[in-house]
Amino acid sequence: MKAHLEKLISDEKSKHDLDVFLRLYEQFLTEPPTIDWSKFKKIDPKYEMDYENLPNVEEHAIKDVLKRVVVVKLNGGLGTTMGCKGAKSLITVKNGKNFLDFSLLQVQMKRPSECFIVKEIYADSLMPVPGKADEKNDEGWYPPGHGNIFQSLAYSGILDELLEQGRDICFVSNIDNTGANVDLRIANAMCNGVADYIMEVTDKTPADVKGGTLIEINGKIMHLEMPQVPEDHVEDFCSMTTFRIFNTNNIWVNLRAVKEKLNSISMEIIANKKRRFKSIPSMKDVVHLTVSGDVVFGKNVVLKGVVVIIADEGHSIEITQGSFIENKICTGRLRFTDH
């Protein structure tokens, strides 16, 4: 495979991308996909900070805090398995505005005089997201997610550029999470050196049973996602008593610490099974949607309220044509029909 892929190298950038891919692929092949359930323990409360205990930022200090903050929105993927065309960030959400529009408005409203706008970038290459959905038809994008952003920032030179500008606090979130916004109290905590890394977490609810959480294992803190859980412990993972908190995928990092520790940063590989859609379900009345595992959607499916669909490892859930699903949790292995 390596010999075949090396034929695609055209410059230093493509060579670097190949090296990153090969390292990740080797890690995927050699590391176990799930954790040893007997070796983990719940995270020590000393690592938790209650948001309500963070001090408010004085008005005179807001400018200095925001001058150090850079906001990165990750496009994630292209949404092709949902029948979408082009970047997910360009999907129209409301009143003709897409995810990218909402993100930019949030940044501008936070502190207009202290903000500058940089075009959104892809997670893998940090290349700008196109301004139109059909501007780039290449489906060969390779988006590895949050974990690869630090290496990409460093290789592209953007990391050094940001540090030279004094912007050393980075807020990273997914573009399709419209609730992810710069919080001044958290930003101020980062500026004051409370931590080099902060993950925003919140209490689990029945609508968030499959959300990632934090554990301690092998002497380290680990972010645990459901694909990393052994099949016979999925119910334990989804339990609100076993794990009280879940990860919102909003993270804060000190970029100076990233540069110092970049060579030693190692991320787990999480296999992402694609959901399959024969047509995009109607979701205009969805409050919360979670889909995990091998899930197949038929045509003309309608989703409403809180819907959670989780297929067991090695099995599938089929949502048949014309199904209407409202406020349901579907788990296991089944053929779902509800009209």
C-alpha atoms as a PDB file:
ATOM      1  CA  MET A   1       0.000   0.000   0.000  1.00  0.00           C
ATOM      2  CA  LYS A   2       2.766   2.439   0.886  1.00  0.00           C
ATOM      3  CA  ALA A   3       4.450   1.979  -2.504  1.00  0.00           C
ATOM      4  CA  HIS A   4       1.152   2.619  -4.270  1.00  0.00           C
ATOM      5  CA  LEU A   5       0.346   5.737  -2.241  1.00  0.00           C
ATOM      6  CA  GLU A   6       3.845   7.165  -2.710  1.00  0.00           C
ATOM      7  CA  LYS A   7       3.044   7.507  -6.410  1.00  0.00           C
ATOM      8  CA  LEU A   8       0.541  10.210  -5.402  1.00  0.00           C
ATOM      9  CA  ILE A   9       3.203  12.429  -3.794  1.00  0.00           C
ATOM     10  CA  SER A  10       3.531  15.660  -5.735  1.00  0.00           C
ATOM     11  CA  ASP A  11       5.092  18.032  -3.191  1.00  0.00           C
ATOM     12  CA  GLU A  12       6.177  18.358   0.440  1.00  0.00           C
ATOM     13  CA  LYS A  13       2.581  18.906   1.561  1.00  0.00           C
ATOM     14  CA  SER A  14       1.338  15.659   0.009  1.00  0.00           C
ATOM     15  CA  LYS A  15       4.379  13.807   1.403  1.00  0.00           C
ATOM     16  CA  HIS A  16       3.581  15.109   4.886  1.00  0.00           C
ATOM     17  CA  ASP A  17      -0.075  14.108   4.538  1.00  0.00           C
ATOM     18  CA  LEU A  18       0.972  10.603   3.474  1.00  0.00           C
ATOM     19  CA  ASP A  19       3.312  10.251   6.453  1.00  0.00           C
ATOM     20  CA  VAL A  20       0.504  11.287   8.822  1.00  0.00           C
ATOM     21  CA  PHE A  21      -1.927   8.848   7.213  1.00  0.00           C
ATOM     22  CA  LEU A  22       0.526   5.937   7.369  1.00  0.00           C
ATOM     23  CA  ARG A  23       1.262   6.569  11.044  1.00  0.00           C
ATOM     24  CA  LEU A  24      -2.445   6.654  11.865  1.00  0.00           C
ATOM     25  CA  TYR A  25      -3.151   3.572   9.753  1.00  0.00           C
ATOM     26  CA  GLU A  26      -0.381   1.626  11.496  1.00  0.00           C
ATOM     27  CA  GLN A  27      -1.808   2.712  14.837  1.00  0.00           C
ATOM     28  CA  PHE A  28      -5.254   1.553  13.693  1.00  0.00           C
ATOM     29  CA  LEU A  29      -3.882  -1.885  12.769  1.00  0.00           C
ATOM     30  CA  THR A  30      -1.766  -2.453  15.873  1.00  0.00           C
ATOM     31  CA  GLU A  31      -3.783  -0.982  18.744  1.00  0.00           C
ATOM     32  CA  PRO A  32      -6.846  -2.749  20.195  1.00  0.00           C
ATOM     33  CA  PRO A  33     -10.062  -0.977  19.148  1.00  0.00           C
ATOM     34  CA  THR A  34     -11.569  -1.132  22.639  1.00  0.00           C
ATOM     35  CA  ILE A  35     -10.227  -0.564  26.150  1.00  0.00           C
ATOM     36  CA  ASP A  36      -9.653  -3.207  28.811  1.00  0.00           C
ATOM     37  CA  TRP A  37     -12.785  -2.550  30.876  1.00  0.00           C
ATOM     38  CA  SER A  38     -11.221  -4.031  34.008  1.00  0.00           C
ATOM     39  CA  LYS A  39      -8.414  -1.467  34.051  1.00  0.00           C
ATOM     40  CA  PHE A  40     -10.240   1.851  33.971  1.00  0.00           C
ATOM     41  CA  LYS A  41     -11.500   3.893  36.899  1.00  0.00           C
ATOM     42  CA  LYS A  42     -13.683   6.950  37.191  1.00  0.00           C
ATOM     43  CA  ILE A  43     -11.909  10.262  36.876  1.00  0.00           C
ATOM     44  CA  ASP A  44     -10.659  11.803  40.110  1.00  0.00           C
ATOM     45  CA  PRO A  45     -12.772  14.856  41.099  1.00  0.00           C
ATOM     46  CA  LYS A  46      -9.532  16.848  41.452  1.00  0.00           C
ATOM     47  CA  TYR A  47      -9.466  17.134  37.660  1.00  0.00           C
ATOM     48  CA  GLU A  48     -12.930  18.687  37.524  1.00  0.00           C
ATOM     49  CA  MET A  49     -13.751  22.382  37.753  1.00  0.00           C
ATOM     50  CA  ASP A  50     -17.273  23.602  38.425  1.00  0.00           C
ATOM     51  CA  TYR A  51     -18.108  26.303  35.904  1.00  0.00           C
ATOM     52  CA  GLU A  52     -20.104  28.218  38.520  1.00  0.00           C
ATOM     53  CA  ASN A  53     -16.922  28.650  40.553  1.00  0.00           C
ATOM     54  CA  LEU A  54     -15.090  30.423  37.723  1.00  0.00           C
ATOM     55  CA  PRO A  55     -14.950  34.185  38.303  1.00  0.00           C
ATOM     56  CA  ASN A  56     -16.648  36.605  35.950  1.00  0.00           C
ATOM     57  CA  VAL A  57     -14.383  38.745  33.773  1.00  0.00           C
ATOM     58  CA  GLU A  58     -14.255  42.425  34.624  1.00  0.00           C
ATOM     59  CA  GLU A  59     -15.278  44.693  31.754  1.00  0.00           C
ATOM     60  CA  HIS A  60     -11.855  46.328  31.576  1.00  0.00           C
ATOM     61  CA  ALA A  61     -10.176  42.915  31.206  1.00  0.00           C
ATOM     62  CA  ILE A  62     -12.342  41.530  28.388  1.00  0.00           C
ATOM     63  CA  LYS A  63     -10.263  43.158  25.660  1.00  0.00           C
ATOM     64  CA  ASP A  64      -7.016  41.627  26.951  1.00  0.00           C
ATOM     65  CA  VAL A  65      -8.606  38.168  27.216  1.00  0.00           C
ATOM     66  CA  LEU A  66     -10.065  38.209  23.691  1.00  0.00           C
ATOM     67  CA  LYS A  67      -6.779  39.419  22.210  1.00  0.00           C
ATOM     68  CA  ARG A  68      -5.265  36.060  23.204  1.00  0.00           C
ATOM     69  CA  VAL A  69      -8.100  33.863  21.900  1.00  0.00           C
ATOM     70  CA  VAL A  70      -8.344  32.222  18.487  1.00  0.00           C
ATOM     71  CA  VAL A  71     -11.477  30.330  17.467  1.00  0.00           C
ATOM     72  CA  VAL A  72     -11.174  27.250  15.248  1.00  0.00           C
ATOM     73  CA  LYS A  73     -14.278  25.646  13.772  1.00  0.00           C
ATOM     74  CA  LEU A  74     -13.800  22.183  12.328  1.00  0.00           C
ATOM     75  CA  ASN A  75     -15.880  21.228   9.324  1.00  0.00           C
ATOM     76  CA  GLY A  76     -15.534  17.579  10.314  1.00  0.00           C
ATOM     77  CA  GLY A  77     -16.738  15.808   7.194  1.00  0.00           C
ATOM     78  CA  LEU A  78     -18.558  16.353   3.935  1.00  0.00           C
ATOM     79  CA  GLY A  79     -21.832  14.803   5.052  1.00  0.00           C
ATOM     80  CA  THR A  80     -21.919  12.500   2.016  1.00  0.00           C
ATOM     81  CA  THR A  81     -23.553   9.650   3.954  1.00  0.00           C
ATOM     82  CA  MET A  82     -26.487  11.993   4.641  1.00  0.00           C
ATOM     83  CA  GLY A  83     -26.836  12.799   0.956  1.00  0.00           C
ATOM     84  CA  CYS A  84     -25.268  16.238   1.383  1.00  0.00           C
ATOM     85  CA  LYS A  85     -23.225  17.888  -1.333  1.00  0.00           C
ATOM     86  CA  GLY A  86     -20.138  19.851  -0.362  1.00  0.00           C
ATOM     87  CA  ALA A  87     -18.956  21.061   3.027  1.00  0.00           C
ATOM     88  CA  LYS A  88     -21.216  20.382   6.010  1.00  0.00           C
ATOM     89  CA  SER A  89     -20.693  23.959   7.151  1.00  0.00           C
ATOM     90  CA  LEU A  90     -22.541  25.219   4.071  1.00  0.00           C
ATOM     91  CA  ILE A  91     -25.788  23.392   4.853  1.00  0.00           C
ATOM     92  CA  THR A  92     -28.588  25.935   5.237  1.00  0.00           C
ATOM     93  CA  VAL A  93     -29.917  25.851   8.794  1.00  0.00           C
ATOM     94  CA  LYS A  94     -32.383  28.700   9.239  1.00  0.00           C
ATOM     95  CA  ASN A  95     -33.501  31.852   7.448  1.00  0.00           C
ATOM     96  CA  GLY A  96     -31.100  31.230   4.587  1.00  0.00           C
ATOM     97  CA  LYS A  97     -28.061  31.101   6.882  1.00  0.00           C
ATOM     98  CA  ASN A  98     -25.701  28.127   7.076  1.00  0.00           C
ATOM     99  CA  PHE A  99     -23.560  26.824   9.945  1.00  0.00           C
ATOM    100  CA  LEU A 100     -20.637  29.009   8.889  1.00  0.00           C
ATOM    101  CA  ASP A 101     -22.823  32.140   8.872  1.00  0.00           C
ATOM    102  CA  PHE A 102     -24.012  31.430  12.412  1.00  0.00           C
ATOM    103  CA  SER A 103     -20.471  30.789  13.598  1.00  0.00           C
ATOM    104  CA  LEU A 104     -19.173  34.075  12.211  1.00  0.00           C
ATOM    105  CA  LEU A 105     -22.096  36.000  13.694  1.00  0.00           C
ATOM    106  CA  GLN A 106     -21.400  34.507  17.122  1.00  0.00           C
ATOM    107  CA  VAL A 107     -17.763  35.606  16.997  1.00  0.00           C
ATOM    108  CA  GLN A 108     -18.633  39.098  15.781  1.00  0.00           C
ATOM    109  CA  MET A 109     -21.312  39.593  18.456  1.00  0.00           C
ATOM    110  CA  LYS A 110     -18.951  38.542  21.245  1.00  0.00           C
ATOM    111  CA  ARG A 111     -16.702  41.573  20.811  1.00  0.00           C
ATOM    112  CA  PRO A 112     -16.850  43.178  17.344  1.00  0.00           C
ATOM    113  CA  SER A 113     -13.962  45.599  17.883  1.00  0.00           C
ATOM    114  CA  GLU A 114     -11.599  42.810  18.914  1.00  0.00           C
ATOM    115  CA  CYS A 115     -12.466  40.170  16.297  1.00  0.00           C
ATOM    116  CA  PHE A 116     -10.957  39.390  12.970  1.00  0.00           C
ATOM    117  CA  ILE A 117     -12.386  36.794  10.605  1.00  0.00           C
ATOM    118  CA  VAL A 118     -10.389  33.977   9.086  1.00  0.00           C
ATOM    119  CA  LYS A 119     -11.996  31.672   6.544  1.00  0.00           C
ATOM    120  CA  GLU A 120     -13.064  28.338   7.992  1.00  0.00           C
ATOM    121  CA  ILE A 121     -10.597  25.522   7.485  1.00  0.00           C
ATOM    122  CA  TYR A 122     -10.802  21.776   7.040  1.00  0.00           C
ATOM    123  CA  ALA A 123      -9.616  19.652   9.960  1.00  0.00           C
ATOM    124  CA  ASP A 124      -7.070  17.721   7.933  1.00  0.00           C
ATOM    125  CA  SER A 125      -5.321  20.246   5.732  1.00  0.00           C
ATOM    126  CA  LEU A 126      -6.315  23.638   7.164  1.00  0.00           C
ATOM    127  CA  MET A 127      -7.267  24.668   3.634  1.00  0.00           C
ATOM    128  CA  PRO A 128     -10.150  27.184   3.461  1.00  0.00           C
ATOM    129  CA  VAL A 129     -13.644  25.808   3.143  1.00  0.00           C
ATOM    130  CA  PRO A 130     -15.080  26.900  -0.230  1.00  0.00           C
ATOM    131  CA  GLY A 131     -17.487  29.806  -0.335  1.00  0.00           C
ATOM    132  CA  LYS A 132     -20.014  27.821  -2.372  1.00  0.00           C
ATOM    133  CA  ALA A 133     -21.151  24.240  -1.969  1.00  0.00           C
ATOM    134  CA  ASP A 134     -20.193  23.320  -5.538  1.00  0.00           C
ATOM    135  CA  GLU A 135     -16.873  25.180  -5.579  1.00  0.00           C
ATOM    136  CA  LYS A 136     -14.983  21.999  -4.775  1.00  0.00           C
ATOM    137  CA  ASN A 137     -16.270  18.617  -5.928  1.00  0.00           C
ATOM    138  CA  ASP A 138     -13.322  16.569  -4.710  1.00  0.00           C
ATOM    139  CA  GLU A 139     -14.586  13.830  -2.365  1.00  0.00           C
ATOM    140  CA  GLY A 140     -11.063  12.800  -1.477  1.00  0.00           C
ATOM    141  CA  TRP A 141     -10.897  14.898   1.677  1.00  0.00           C
ATOM    142  CA  TYR A 142      -9.497  13.032   4.653  1.00  0.00           C
ATOM    143  CA  PRO A 143     -10.821  14.594   7.895  1.00  0.00           C
ATOM    144  CA  PRO A 144      -9.301  12.831  10.935  1.00  0.00           C
ATOM    145  CA  GLY A 145     -10.989  15.112  13.465  1.00  0.00           C
ATOM    146  CA  HIS A 146      -9.955  17.092  16.541  1.00  0.00           C
ATOM    147  CA  GLY A 147      -6.816  15.077  17.241  1.00  0.00           C
ATOM    148  CA  ASN A 148      -4.943  15.984  14.068  1.00  0.00           C
ATOM    149  CA  ILE A 149      -5.469  19.724  14.318  1.00  0.00           C
ATOM    150  CA  PHE A 150      -2.343  20.383  16.371  1.00  0.00           C
ATOM    151  CA  GLN A 151       0.009  18.721  13.883  1.00  0.00           C
ATOM    152  CA  SER A 152      -1.756  20.510  11.036  1.00  0.00           C
ATOM    153  CA  LEU A 153      -1.427  23.892  12.734  1.00  0.00           C
ATOM    154  CA  ALA A 154       2.280  23.316  13.312  1.00  0.00           C
ATOM    155  CA  TYR A 155       3.110  21.992   9.834  1.00  0.00           C
ATOM    156  CA  SER A 156       1.230  24.782   8.055  1.00  0.00           C
ATOM    157  CA  GLY A 157       3.061  27.481  10.016  1.00  0.00           C
ATOM    158  CA  ILE A 158      -0.205  28.827  11.424  1.00  0.00           C
ATOM    159  CA  LEU A 159       0.773  27.808  14.958  1.00  0.00           C
ATOM    160  CA  ASP A 160       3.877  30.015  14.937  1.00  0.00           C
ATOM    161  CA  GLU A 161       1.944  32.811  13.254  1.00  0.00           C
ATOM    162  CA  LEU A 162      -0.716  32.783  15.966  1.00  0.00           C
ATOM    163  CA  LEU A 163       1.873  32.745  18.746  1.00  0.00           C
ATOM    164  CA  GLU A 164       3.681  35.696  17.178  1.00  0.00           C
ATOM    165  CA  GLN A 165       0.376  37.589  17.268  1.00  0.00           C
ATOM    166  CA  GLY A 166       0.009  36.763  20.962  1.00  0.00           C
ATOM    167  CA  ARG A 167      -2.961  34.466  20.331  1.00  0.00           C
ATOM    168  CA  ASP A 168      -2.042  31.496  22.471  1.00  0.00           C
ATOM    169  CA  ILE A 169      -5.467  30.323  23.702  1.00  0.00           C
ATOM    170  CA  CYS A 170      -7.366  28.213  21.184  1.00  0.00           C
ATOM    171  CA  PHE A 171     -11.052  27.284  21.333  1.00  0.00           C
ATOM    172  CA  VAL A 172     -11.894  24.317  19.083  1.00  0.00           C
ATOM    173  CA  SER A 173     -15.387  23.043  18.292  1.00  0.00           C
ATOM    174  CA  ASN A 174     -17.431  21.461  15.521  1.00  0.00           C
ATOM    175  CA  ILE A 175     -19.023  23.811  13.004  1.00  0.00           C
ATOM    176  CA  ASP A 176     -22.437  22.132  13.326  1.00  0.00           C
ATOM    177  CA  ASN A 177     -22.609  22.760  17.080  1.00  0.00           C
ATOM    178  CA  THR A 178     -24.330  26.145  17.115  1.00  0.00           C
ATOM    179  CA  GLY A 179     -24.220  26.169  20.919  1.00  0.00           C
ATOM    180  CA  ALA A 180     -20.401  26.230  20.922  1.00  0.00           C
ATOM    181  CA  ASN A 181     -19.348  29.788  21.641  1.00  0.00           C
ATOM    182  CA  VAL A 182     -16.445  31.612  23.277  1.00  0.00           C
ATOM    183  CA  ASP A 183     -17.117  31.700  27.015  1.00  0.00           C
ATOM    184  CA  LEU A 184     -15.245  34.554  28.659  1.00  0.00           C
ATOM    185  CA  ARG A 185     -15.022  32.846  32.047  1.00  0.00           C
ATOM    186  CA  ILE A 186     -13.349  29.767  30.566  1.00  0.00           C
ATOM    187  CA  ALA A 187     -11.154  31.890  28.308  1.00  0.00           C
ATOM    188  CA  ASN A 188     -10.043  33.914  31.320  1.00  0.00           C
ATOM    189  CA  ALA A 189      -9.213  30.732  33.252  1.00  0.00           C
ATOM    190  CA  MET A 190      -7.019  29.596  30.350  1.00  0.00           C
ATOM    191  CA  CYS A 191      -5.311  33.001  30.198  1.00  0.00           C
ATOM    192  CA  ASN A 192      -4.592  32.784  33.928  1.00  0.00           C
ATOM    193  CA  GLY A 193      -2.889  29.403  33.513  1.00  0.00           C
ATOM    194  CA  VAL A 194      -5.476  27.351  35.384  1.00  0.00           C
ATOM    195  CA  ALA A 195      -4.849  24.542  32.871  1.00  0.00           C
ATOM    196  CA  ASP A 196      -3.219  23.918  29.493  1.00  0.00           C
ATOM    197  CA  TYR A 197      -6.218  21.887  28.347  1.00  0.00           C
ATOM    198  CA  ILE A 198      -9.895  22.199  29.231  1.00  0.00           C
ATOM    199  CA  MET A 199     -12.720  20.057  27.904  1.00  0.00           C
ATOM    200  CA  GLU A 200     -16.248  21.357  28.356  1.00  0.00           C
ATOM    201  CA  VAL A 201     -18.414  18.602  29.853  1.00  0.00           C
ATOM    202  CA  THR A 202     -21.926  18.540  31.226  1.00  0.00           C
ATOM    203  CA  ASP A 203     -24.216  16.169  33.095  1.00  0.00           C
ATOM    204  CA  LYS A 204     -25.583  13.226  31.126  1.00  0.00           C
ATOM    205  CA  THR A 205     -29.283  13.112  30.305  1.00  0.00           C
ATOM    206  CA  PRO A 206     -31.387  10.365  28.646  1.00  0.00           C
ATOM    207  CA  ALA A 207     -30.786  12.194  25.349  1.00  0.00           C
ATOM    208  CA  ASP A 208     -26.999  11.964  25.710  1.00  0.00           C
ATOM    209  CA  VAL A 209     -26.464   8.332  26.670  1.00  0.00           C
ATOM    210  CA  LYS A 210     -23.818   7.665  24.037  1.00  0.00           C
ATOM    211  CA  GLY A 211     -21.786  10.854  24.533  1.00  0.00           C
ATOM    212  CA  GLY A 212     -18.067  10.515  25.195  1.00  0.00           C
ATOM    213  CA  THR A 213     -16.747  10.809  28.745  1.00  0.00           C
ATOM    214  CA  LEU A 214     -13.480  10.941  30.693  1.00  0.00           C
ATOM    215  CA  ILE A 215     -11.788   8.060  32.504  1.00  0.00           C
ATOM    216  CA  GLU A 216      -8.439   7.243  34.098  1.00  0.00           C
ATOM    217  CA  ILE A 217      -6.590   4.273  32.612  1.00  0.00           C
ATOM    218  CA  ASN A 218      -2.943   3.200  32.556  1.00  0.00           C
ATOM    219  CA  GLY A 219      -2.016   6.185  34.691  1.00  0.00           C
ATOM    220  CA  LYS A 220      -3.481   8.724  32.269  1.00  0.00           C
ATOM    221  CA  ILE A 221      -6.706  10.606  31.664  1.00  0.00           C
ATOM    222  CA  MET A 222      -8.472   9.368  28.540  1.00  0.00           C
ATOM    223  CA  HIS A 223     -11.411  10.632  26.527  1.00  0.00           C
ATOM    224  CA  LEU A 224     -13.580   7.544  26.020  1.00  0.00           C
ATOM    225  CA  GLU A 225     -16.052   7.261  23.136  1.00  0.00           C
ATOM    226  CA  MET A 226     -18.580   4.471  22.676  1.00  0.00           C
ATOM    227  CA  PRO A 227     -16.752   2.763  19.749  1.00  0.00           C
ATOM    228  CA  GLN A 228     -13.893   2.182  22.225  1.00  0.00           C
ATOM    229  CA  VAL A 229     -16.182   0.320  24.648  1.00  0.00           C
ATOM    230  CA  PRO A 230     -16.304  -3.519  24.576  1.00  0.00           C
ATOM    231  CA  GLU A 231     -19.647  -4.745  23.238  1.00  0.00           C
ATOM    232  CA  ASP A 232     -20.674  -6.376  26.511  1.00  0.00           C
ATOM    233  CA  HIS A 233     -20.197  -3.083  28.392  1.00  0.00           C
ATOM    234  CA  VAL A 234     -22.111  -0.688  26.110  1.00  0.00           C
ATOM    235  CA  GLU A 235     -25.036  -0.587  28.556  1.00  0.00           C
ATOM    236  CA  ASP A 236     -22.619   0.300  31.367  1.00  0.00           C
ATOM    237  CA  PHE A 237     -21.186   3.090  29.222  1.00  0.00           C
ATOM    238  CA  CYS A 238     -24.658   4.484  28.481  1.00  0.00           C
ATOM    239  CA  SER A 239     -25.654   4.361  32.141  1.00  0.00           C
ATOM    240  CA  MET A 240     -26.049   7.716  33.836  1.00  0.00           C
ATOM    241  CA  THR A 241     -24.913   6.174  37.112  1.00  0.00           C
ATOM    242  CA  THR A 242     -21.675   4.693  35.781  1.00  0.00           C
ATOM    243  CA  PHE A 243     -20.677   7.910  34.010  1.00  0.00           C
ATOM    244  CA  ARG A 244     -22.144  11.172  35.209  1.00  0.00           C
ATOM    245  CA  ILE A 245     -20.682  13.520  32.584  1.00  0.00           C
ATOM    246  CA  PHE A 246     -20.293  13.570  28.815  1.00  0.00           C
ATOM    247  CA  ASN A 247     -18.031  15.483  26.461  1.00  0.00           C
ATOM    248  CA  THR A 248     -19.502  18.363  24.430  1.00  0.00           C
ATOM    249  CA  ASN A 249     -16.572  18.268  21.944  1.00  0.00           C
ATOM    250  CA  ASN A 250     -15.643  21.828  22.876  1.00  0.00           C
ATOM    251  CA  ILE A 251     -11.999  22.048  23.905  1.00  0.00           C
ATOM    252  CA  TRP A 252      -9.611  24.786  24.988  1.00  0.00           C
ATOM    253  CA  VAL A 253      -5.853  24.449  24.593  1.00  0.00           C
ATOM    254  CA  ASN A 254      -2.802  26.553  25.353  1.00  0.00           C
ATOM    255  CA  LEU A 255      -0.947  26.724  22.034  1.00  0.00           C
ATOM    256  CA  ARG A 256       2.422  27.348  23.697  1.00  0.00           C
ATOM    257  CA  ALA A 257       2.012  24.058  25.573  1.00  0.00           C
ATOM    258  CA  VAL A 258       0.986  22.386  22.300  1.00  0.00           C
ATOM    259  CA  LYS A 259       4.152  23.539  20.560  1.00  0.00           C
ATOM    260  CA  GLU A 260       6.291  22.348  23.472  1.00  0.00           C
ATOM    261  CA  LYS A 261       4.666  18.902  23.671  1.00  0.00           C
ATOM    262  CA  LEU A 262       3.698  18.333  20.043  1.00  0.00           C
ATOM    263  CA  ASN A 263       6.098  15.451  19.403  1.00  0.00           C
ATOM    264  CA  SER A 264       4.806  13.541  22.436  1.00  0.00           C
ATOM    265  CA  ILE A 265       1.085  14.035  21.780  1.00  0.00           C
ATOM    266  CA  SER A 266      -0.621  10.735  20.958  1.00  0.00           C
ATOM    267  CA  MET A 267      -4.307  10.220  20.181  1.00  0.00           C
ATOM    268  CA  GLU A 268      -6.426   7.083  20.174  1.00  0.00           C
ATOM    269  CA  ILE A 269      -7.889   5.843  16.895  1.00  0.00           C
ATOM    270  CA  ILE A 270     -11.694   5.700  16.873  1.00  0.00           C
ATOM    271  CA  ALA A 271     -13.265   3.694  14.063  1.00  0.00           C
ATOM    272  CA  ASN A 272     -16.143   5.659  12.543  1.00  0.00           C
ATOM    273  CA  LYS A 273     -18.835   3.443  11.043  1.00  0.00           C
ATOM    274  CA  LYS A 274     -20.817   5.332   8.432  1.00  0.00           C
ATOM    275  CA  ARG A 275     -24.570   5.660   8.734  1.00  0.00           C
ATOM    276  CA  ARG A 276     -26.398   4.906   5.488  1.00  0.00           C
ATOM    277  CA  PHE A 277     -29.266   6.982   4.126  1.00  0.00           C
ATOM    278  CA  LYS A 278     -31.365   6.142   1.065  1.00  0.00           C
ATOM    279  CA  SER A 279     -32.769   9.649   1.448  1.00  0.00           C
ATOM    280  CA  ILE A 280     -32.328  12.343   4.087  1.00  0.00           C
ATOM    281  CA  PRO A 281     -34.898  11.902   6.903  1.00  0.00           C
ATOM    282  CA  SER A 282     -37.237  14.752   7.753  1.00  0.00           C
ATOM    283  CA  MET A 283     -35.673  16.303  10.878  1.00  0.00           C
ATOM    284  CA  LYS A 284     -37.213  19.763  11.125  1.00  0.00           C
ATOM    285  CA  ASP A 285     -38.854  18.921  14.475  1.00  0.00           C
ATOM    286  CA  VAL A 286     -35.865  17.076  15.970  1.00  0.00           C
ATOM    287  CA  VAL A 287     -34.747  18.302  19.393  1.00  0.00           C
ATOM    288  CA  HIS A 288     -31.812  15.879  19.721  1.00  0.00           C
ATOM    289  CA  LEU A 289     -30.541  13.132  17.408  1.00  0.00           C
ATOM    290  CA  THR A 290     -27.923  10.475  18.181  1.00  0.00           C
ATOM    291  CA  VAL A 291     -27.040   7.787  15.635  1.00  0.00           C
ATOM    292  CA  SER A 292     -24.205   5.328  16.307  1.00  0.00           C
ATOM    293  CA  GLY A 293     -23.048   2.123  14.665  1.00  0.00           C
ATOM    294  CA  ASP A 294     -24.332   0.412  11.526  1.00  0.00           C
ATOM    295  CA  VAL A 295     -27.700   2.115  11.004  1.00  0.00           C
ATOM    296  CA  VAL A 296     -29.546   2.043   7.674  1.00  0.00           C
ATOM    297  CA  PHE A 297     -32.317   4.552   6.940  1.00  0.00           C
ATOM    298  CA  GLY A 298     -34.968   3.852   4.312  1.00  0.00           C
ATOM    299  CA  LYS A 299     -36.710   6.527   2.279  1.00  0.00           C
ATOM    300  CA  ASN A 300     -39.216   9.029   3.683  1.00  0.00           C
ATOM    301  CA  VAL A 301     -38.289   8.537   7.343  1.00  0.00           C
ATOM    302  CA  VAL A 302     -39.587  11.199   9.746  1.00  0.00           C
ATOM    303  CA  LEU A 303     -37.793  11.963  13.034  1.00  0.00           C
ATOM    304  CA  LYS A 304     -39.245  14.158  15.804  1.00  0.00           C
ATOM    305  CA  GLY A 305     -38.307  15.107  19.350  1.00  0.00           C
ATOM    306  CA  VAL A 306     -35.464  13.219  21.048  1.00  0.00           C
ATOM    307  CA  VAL A 307     -34.306  10.235  18.969  1.00  0.00           C
ATOM    308  CA  VAL A 308     -31.415   7.947  19.942  1.00  0.00           C
ATOM    309  CA  ILE A 309     -30.470   5.018  17.662  1.00  0.00           C
ATOM    310  CA  ILE A 310     -27.498   2.845  18.679  1.00  0.00           C
ATOM    311  CA  ALA A 311     -26.627  -0.407  16.892  1.00  0.00           C
ATOM    312  CA  ASP A 312     -24.703  -3.125  18.702  1.00  0.00           C
ATOM    313  CA  GLU A 313     -21.130  -3.797  17.594  1.00  0.00           C
ATOM    314  CA  GLY A 314     -21.177  -6.184  14.635  1.00  0.00           C
ATOM    315  CA  HIS A 315     -24.921  -5.785  14.082  1.00  0.00           C
ATOM    316  CA  SER A 316     -27.187  -3.320  12.318  1.00  0.00           C
ATOM    317  CA  ILE A 317     -30.436  -1.452  12.806  1.00  0.00           C
ATOM    318  CA  GLU A 318     -32.647  -0.906   9.780  1.00  0.00           C
ATOM    319  CA  ILE A 319     -35.138   1.953   9.780  1.00  0.00           C
ATOM    320  CA  THR A 320     -37.659   0.911   7.146  1.00  0.00           C
ATOM    321  CA  GLN A 321     -39.190   3.151   4.501  1.00  0.00           C
ATOM    322  CA  GLY A 322     -41.837   5.555   5.774  1.00  0.00           C
ATOM    323  CA  SER A 323     -41.052   5.075   9.474  1.00  0.00           C
ATOM    324  CA  PHE A 324     -42.142   7.791  11.916  1.00  0.00           C
ATOM    325  CA  ILE A 325     -39.972   7.951  15.034  1.00  0.00           C
ATOM    326  CA  GLU A 326     -40.790  10.366  17.856  1.00  0.00           C
ATOM    327  CA  ASN A 327     -39.120  10.503  21.285  1.00  0.00           C
ATOM    328  CA  LYS A 328     -37.660   6.992  21.131  1.00  0.00           C
ATOM    329  CA  ILE A 329     -34.430   5.259  22.146  1.00  0.00           C
ATOM    330  CA  CYS A 330     -33.605   2.323  19.841  1.00  0.00           C
ATOM    331  CA  THR A 331     -30.666   0.081  20.738  1.00  0.00           C
ATOM    332  CA  GLY A 332     -29.423  -3.386  19.872  1.00  0.00           C
ATOM    333  CA  ARG A 333     -30.029  -5.213  16.606  1.00  0.00           C
ATOM    334  CA  LEU A 334     -33.393  -4.882  14.922  1.00  0.00           C
ATOM    335  CA  ARG A 335     -35.527  -3.924  11.961  1.00  0.00           C
ATOM    336  CA  PHE A 336     -37.476  -0.892  13.106  1.00  0.00           C
ATOM    337  CA  THR A 337     -40.965  -0.227  11.700  1.00  0.00           C
ATOM    338  CA  ASP A 338     -43.200   2.487  13.150  1.00  0.00           C
ATOM    339  CA  HIS A 339     -45.822   4.180  10.981  1.00  0.00           C
END
